[in-house]
Amino acid sequence: MASKPTLICYDGSDDSRHALAAVADLLASNDAVVLTVWQPLTAILAEAGGFGMFALDDEDKVDSEEEAAARAAAQDGAERAMARGFNATARVQEAGEGVWRTIVDIADEIDAGLIVCGTRGRGGVRSLLLGSVSHAVLQQSHRPVLIAPTPADPAQ
């Protein structure tokens, strides 16, 4: 696995920060791709069954802000991975067919030796709409997947 990069799913949430820390403690220095996946507003609303379709007046602005937030999260994750000894690069990808599918596709593209996820994403309505990304990655990927649980002590 050391010759293949580790794909670290990172959205800036506490769970994704914990997952990054957990894998750094388990693996020796390794190449890593820190992936943040974002979805356009129309994709999020479509997954929710069209809920809130009336809110599309400023779709381009919302999408631009979402992509910018994804870029910031990916860069933050790559910096945290480098601080823990990884040779890390940040990657941002727009989800065309759902977040889990994008993660699996990127893992295949880079021939990842391991996919790392937290148990939950950024939370709130977004988690409700997207469902369990980490569970779908685990079920759909043919690669090893490490899902780091939420720490009992949030200070970890």
C-alpha atoms as a PDB file:
ATOM      1  CA  MET A   1       0.000   0.000   0.000  1.00  0.00           C
ATOM      2  CA  ALA A   2       2.965   2.349   0.566  1.00  0.00           C
ATOM      3  CA  SER A   3       3.529   2.651  -3.205  1.00  0.00           C
ATOM      4  CA  LYS A   4      -0.067   3.758  -3.825  1.00  0.00           C
ATOM      5  CA  PRO A   5      -1.476   7.078  -2.635  1.00  0.00           C
ATOM      6  CA  THR A   6      -3.963   7.328   0.187  1.00  0.00           C
ATOM      7  CA  LEU A   7      -7.183   9.169  -0.755  1.00  0.00           C
ATOM      8  CA  ILE A   8      -8.313  11.231   2.218  1.00  0.00           C
ATOM      9  CA  CYS A   9     -11.892  12.518   1.990  1.00  0.00           C
ATOM     10  CA  TYR A  10     -11.955  15.908   3.657  1.00  0.00           C
ATOM     11  CA  ASP A  11     -14.714  18.483   3.994  1.00  0.00           C
ATOM     12  CA  GLY A  12     -13.380  20.516   6.908  1.00  0.00           C
ATOM     13  CA  SER A  13     -15.693  18.907   9.459  1.00  0.00           C
ATOM     14  CA  ASP A  14     -14.440  17.718  12.845  1.00  0.00           C
ATOM     15  CA  ASP A  15     -14.932  14.117  11.691  1.00  0.00           C
ATOM     16  CA  SER A  16     -12.823  14.607   8.565  1.00  0.00           C
ATOM     17  CA  ARG A  17     -10.048  16.264  10.618  1.00  0.00           C
ATOM     18  CA  HIS A  18     -10.149  13.329  13.028  1.00  0.00           C
ATOM     19  CA  ALA A  19     -10.025  10.801  10.173  1.00  0.00           C
ATOM     20  CA  LEU A  20      -6.945  12.515   8.756  1.00  0.00           C
ATOM     21  CA  ALA A  21      -5.248  12.424  12.164  1.00  0.00           C
ATOM     22  CA  ALA A  22      -6.192   8.773  12.701  1.00  0.00           C
ATOM     23  CA  VAL A  23      -4.701   7.607   9.416  1.00  0.00           C
ATOM     24  CA  ALA A  24      -1.522   9.631   9.950  1.00  0.00           C
ATOM     25  CA  ASP A  25      -0.983   7.759  13.201  1.00  0.00           C
ATOM     26  CA  LEU A  26      -1.458   4.406  11.397  1.00  0.00           C
ATOM     27  CA  LEU A  27       0.571   4.911   8.243  1.00  0.00           C
ATOM     28  CA  ALA A  28       4.169   5.788   7.625  1.00  0.00           C
ATOM     29  CA  SER A  29       4.899   8.799   5.461  1.00  0.00           C
ATOM     30  CA  ASN A  30       3.029   8.270   2.223  1.00  0.00           C
ATOM     31  CA  ASP A  31       1.678  10.108  -0.789  1.00  0.00           C
ATOM     32  CA  ALA A  32      -1.835  11.382  -0.162  1.00  0.00           C
ATOM     33  CA  VAL A  33      -4.521  13.125  -2.155  1.00  0.00           C
ATOM     34  CA  VAL A  34      -6.849  15.180   0.037  1.00  0.00           C
ATOM     35  CA  LEU A  35     -10.152  15.248  -1.817  1.00  0.00           C
ATOM     36  CA  THR A  36     -13.021  17.640  -1.233  1.00  0.00           C
ATOM     37  CA  VAL A  37     -16.125  16.962  -3.309  1.00  0.00           C
ATOM     38  CA  TRP A  38     -18.748  19.642  -3.851  1.00  0.00           C
ATOM     39  CA  GLN A  39     -22.138  19.557  -5.519  1.00  0.00           C
ATOM     40  CA  PRO A  40     -23.964  22.236  -7.467  1.00  0.00           C
ATOM     41  CA  LEU A  41     -27.197  23.414  -5.858  1.00  0.00           C
ATOM     42  CA  THR A  42     -29.325  21.715  -8.510  1.00  0.00           C
ATOM     43  CA  ALA A  43     -27.696  18.337  -7.731  1.00  0.00           C
ATOM     44  CA  ILE A  44     -28.292  18.745  -4.009  1.00  0.00           C
ATOM     45  CA  LEU A  45     -31.927  19.688  -4.577  1.00  0.00           C
ATOM     46  CA  ALA A  46     -32.430  16.829  -7.036  1.00  0.00           C
ATOM     47  CA  GLU A  47     -31.148  14.333  -4.450  1.00  0.00           C
ATOM     48  CA  ALA A  48     -33.664  15.798  -2.023  1.00  0.00           C
ATOM     49  CA  GLY A  49     -36.490  15.118  -4.449  1.00  0.00           C
ATOM     50  CA  GLY A  50     -36.738  18.691  -5.696  1.00  0.00           C
ATOM     51  CA  PHE A  51     -37.272  20.141  -2.211  1.00  0.00           C
ATOM     52  CA  GLY A  52     -36.727  23.875  -2.406  1.00  0.00           C
ATOM     53  CA  MET A  53     -36.505  24.172  -6.199  1.00  0.00           C
ATOM     54  CA  PHE A  54     -37.930  27.666  -5.854  1.00  0.00           C
ATOM     55  CA  ALA A  55     -34.610  28.773  -4.319  1.00  0.00           C
ATOM     56  CA  LEU A  56     -32.718  28.751  -7.640  1.00  0.00           C
ATOM     57  CA  ASP A  57     -32.707  32.524  -8.171  1.00  0.00           C
ATOM     58  CA  ASP A  58     -29.017  32.834  -7.284  1.00  0.00           C
ATOM     59  CA  GLU A  59     -27.815  29.363  -8.280  1.00  0.00           C
ATOM     60  CA  ASP A  60     -24.522  30.566  -9.821  1.00  0.00           C
ATOM     61  CA  LYS A  61     -23.609  32.527  -6.702  1.00  0.00           C
ATOM     62  CA  VAL A  62     -24.413  29.567  -4.424  1.00  0.00           C
ATOM     63  CA  ASP A  63     -22.384  27.202  -6.625  1.00  0.00           C
ATOM     64  CA  SER A  64     -19.446  29.616  -6.740  1.00  0.00           C
ATOM     65  CA  GLU A  65     -19.464  29.941  -2.949  1.00  0.00           C
ATOM     66  CA  GLU A  66     -19.701  26.150  -2.534  1.00  0.00           C
ATOM     67  CA  GLU A  67     -16.758  25.582  -4.877  1.00  0.00           C
ATOM     68  CA  ALA A  68     -14.684  28.236  -3.075  1.00  0.00           C
ATOM     69  CA  ALA A  69     -15.462  26.620   0.286  1.00  0.00           C
ATOM     70  CA  ALA A  70     -14.448  23.241  -1.144  1.00  0.00           C
ATOM     71  CA  ARG A  71     -11.127  24.682  -2.369  1.00  0.00           C
ATOM     72  CA  ALA A  72     -10.439  26.179   1.056  1.00  0.00           C
ATOM     73  CA  ALA A  73     -11.291  22.889   2.793  1.00  0.00           C
ATOM     74  CA  ALA A  74      -9.087  20.854   0.437  1.00  0.00           C
ATOM     75  CA  GLN A  75      -6.155  23.213   0.986  1.00  0.00           C
ATOM     76  CA  ASP A  76      -6.691  23.089   4.759  1.00  0.00           C
ATOM     77  CA  GLY A  77      -6.753  19.292   4.640  1.00  0.00           C
ATOM     78  CA  ALA A  78      -3.597  19.081   2.527  1.00  0.00           C
ATOM     79  CA  GLU A  79      -1.776  21.402   4.932  1.00  0.00           C
ATOM     80  CA  ARG A  80      -2.892  19.290   7.903  1.00  0.00           C
ATOM     81  CA  ALA A  81      -1.790  16.101   6.107  1.00  0.00           C
ATOM     82  CA  MET A  82       1.636  17.592   5.325  1.00  0.00           C
ATOM     83  CA  ALA A  83       2.021  18.631   8.952  1.00  0.00           C
ATOM     84  CA  ARG A  84       1.509  14.961   9.850  1.00  0.00           C
ATOM     85  CA  GLY A  85       4.167  13.723   7.444  1.00  0.00           C
ATOM     86  CA  PHE A  86       2.226  13.037   4.247  1.00  0.00           C
ATOM     87  CA  ASN A  87       3.367  14.169   0.821  1.00  0.00           C
ATOM     88  CA  ALA A  88      -0.094  15.633   0.216  1.00  0.00           C
ATOM     89  CA  THR A  89      -1.840  17.420  -2.604  1.00  0.00           C
ATOM     90  CA  ALA A  90      -5.243  19.079  -2.482  1.00  0.00           C
ATOM     91  CA  ARG A  91      -7.893  18.126  -5.014  1.00  0.00           C
ATOM     92  CA  VAL A  92     -11.381  19.543  -5.521  1.00  0.00           C
ATOM     93  CA  GLN A  93     -13.947  17.732  -7.611  1.00  0.00           C
ATOM     94  CA  GLU A  94     -17.496  18.602  -8.569  1.00  0.00           C
ATOM     95  CA  ALA A  95     -19.823  15.652  -8.021  1.00  0.00           C
ATOM     96  CA  GLY A  96     -21.687  14.686 -11.159  1.00  0.00           C
ATOM     97  CA  GLU A  97     -23.402  11.551  -9.847  1.00  0.00           C
ATOM     98  CA  GLY A  98     -23.251  11.928  -6.089  1.00  0.00           C
ATOM     99  CA  VAL A  99     -20.445  12.444  -3.609  1.00  0.00           C
ATOM    100  CA  TRP A 100     -19.772   8.754  -2.885  1.00  0.00           C
ATOM    101  CA  ARG A 101     -19.575   7.919  -6.606  1.00  0.00           C
ATOM    102  CA  THR A 102     -17.110  10.767  -7.154  1.00  0.00           C
ATOM    103  CA  ILE A 103     -14.927   9.522  -4.296  1.00  0.00           C
ATOM    104  CA  VAL A 104     -14.906   5.968  -5.676  1.00  0.00           C
ATOM    105  CA  ASP A 105     -14.152   7.244  -9.197  1.00  0.00           C
ATOM    106  CA  ILE A 106     -11.233   9.408  -7.999  1.00  0.00           C
ATOM    107  CA  ALA A 107      -9.880   6.494  -5.942  1.00  0.00           C
ATOM    108  CA  ASP A 108      -9.929   4.373  -9.114  1.00  0.00           C
ATOM    109  CA  GLU A 109      -8.355   7.158 -11.177  1.00  0.00           C
ATOM    110  CA  ILE A 110      -5.387   7.576  -8.810  1.00  0.00           C
ATOM    111  CA  ASP A 111      -5.252   3.846  -7.968  1.00  0.00           C
ATOM    112  CA  ALA A 112      -5.588   4.618  -4.250  1.00  0.00           C
ATOM    113  CA  GLY A 113      -4.274   2.009  -1.851  1.00  0.00           C
ATOM    114  CA  LEU A 114      -6.682   3.229   0.841  1.00  0.00           C
ATOM    115  CA  ILE A 115      -9.704   5.533   1.060  1.00  0.00           C
ATOM    116  CA  VAL A 116     -10.077   7.418   4.348  1.00  0.00           C
ATOM    117  CA  CYS A 117     -13.380   8.974   5.500  1.00  0.00           C
ATOM    118  CA  GLY A 118     -14.886  10.287   8.692  1.00  0.00           C
ATOM    119  CA  THR A 119     -18.214   8.908   9.831  1.00  0.00           C
ATOM    120  CA  ARG A 120     -20.123  12.134   9.149  1.00  0.00           C
ATOM    121  CA  GLY A 121     -19.716  15.188   6.964  1.00  0.00           C
ATOM    122  CA  ARG A 122     -20.442  18.804   7.675  1.00  0.00           C
ATOM    123  CA  GLY A 123     -23.770  17.953   9.245  1.00  0.00           C
ATOM    124  CA  GLY A 124     -27.131  19.630   9.268  1.00  0.00           C
ATOM    125  CA  VAL A 125     -29.415  19.547   6.265  1.00  0.00           C
ATOM    126  CA  ARG A 126     -26.526  18.650   3.931  1.00  0.00           C
ATOM    127  CA  SER A 127     -25.970  15.327   5.741  1.00  0.00           C
ATOM    128  CA  LEU A 128     -29.670  14.592   5.619  1.00  0.00           C
ATOM    129  CA  LEU A 129     -29.823  15.233   1.897  1.00  0.00           C
ATOM    130  CA  LEU A 130     -26.692  13.313   1.004  1.00  0.00           C
ATOM    131  CA  GLY A 131     -27.202  10.280   3.195  1.00  0.00           C
ATOM    132  CA  SER A 132     -24.223   8.349   4.483  1.00  0.00           C
ATOM    133  CA  VAL A 133     -21.366   8.986   2.076  1.00  0.00           C
ATOM    134  CA  SER A 134     -18.878   6.950   4.081  1.00  0.00           C
ATOM    135  CA  HIS A 135     -21.268   3.983   4.200  1.00  0.00           C
ATOM    136  CA  ALA A 136     -21.815   4.117   0.426  1.00  0.00           C
ATOM    137  CA  VAL A 137     -18.054   4.366  -0.222  1.00  0.00           C
ATOM    138  CA  LEU A 138     -17.525   1.329   1.992  1.00  0.00           C
ATOM    139  CA  GLN A 139     -20.246  -0.643   0.200  1.00  0.00           C
ATOM    140  CA  GLN A 140     -19.397   0.390  -3.362  1.00  0.00           C
ATOM    141  CA  SER A 141     -15.603   0.594  -3.470  1.00  0.00           C
ATOM    142  CA  HIS A 142     -13.438  -2.424  -4.220  1.00  0.00           C
ATOM    143  CA  ARG A 143     -10.550  -0.789  -2.356  1.00  0.00           C
ATOM    144  CA  PRO A 144      -9.707  -0.818   1.349  1.00  0.00           C
ATOM    145  CA  VAL A 145     -11.660   1.850   3.235  1.00  0.00           C
ATOM    146  CA  LEU A 146     -10.843   3.246   6.656  1.00  0.00           C
ATOM    147  CA  ILE A 147     -13.757   5.011   8.359  1.00  0.00           C
ATOM    148  CA  ALA A 148     -12.543   6.804  11.462  1.00  0.00           C
ATOM    149  CA  PRO A 149     -15.210   7.081  14.161  1.00  0.00           C
ATOM    150  CA  THR A 150     -16.066  10.308  15.872  1.00  0.00           C
ATOM    151  CA  PRO A 151     -13.873  10.570  18.974  1.00  0.00           C
ATOM    152  CA  ALA A 152     -15.616  10.216  22.310  1.00  0.00           C
ATOM    153  CA  ASP A 153     -13.734  13.305  23.469  1.00  0.00           C
ATOM    154  CA  PRO A 154     -14.318  16.144  20.959  1.00  0.00           C
ATOM    155  CA  ALA A 155     -10.987  17.717  22.026  1.00  0.00           C
ATOM    156  CA  GLN A 156      -9.082  14.860  20.326  1.00  0.00           C
END
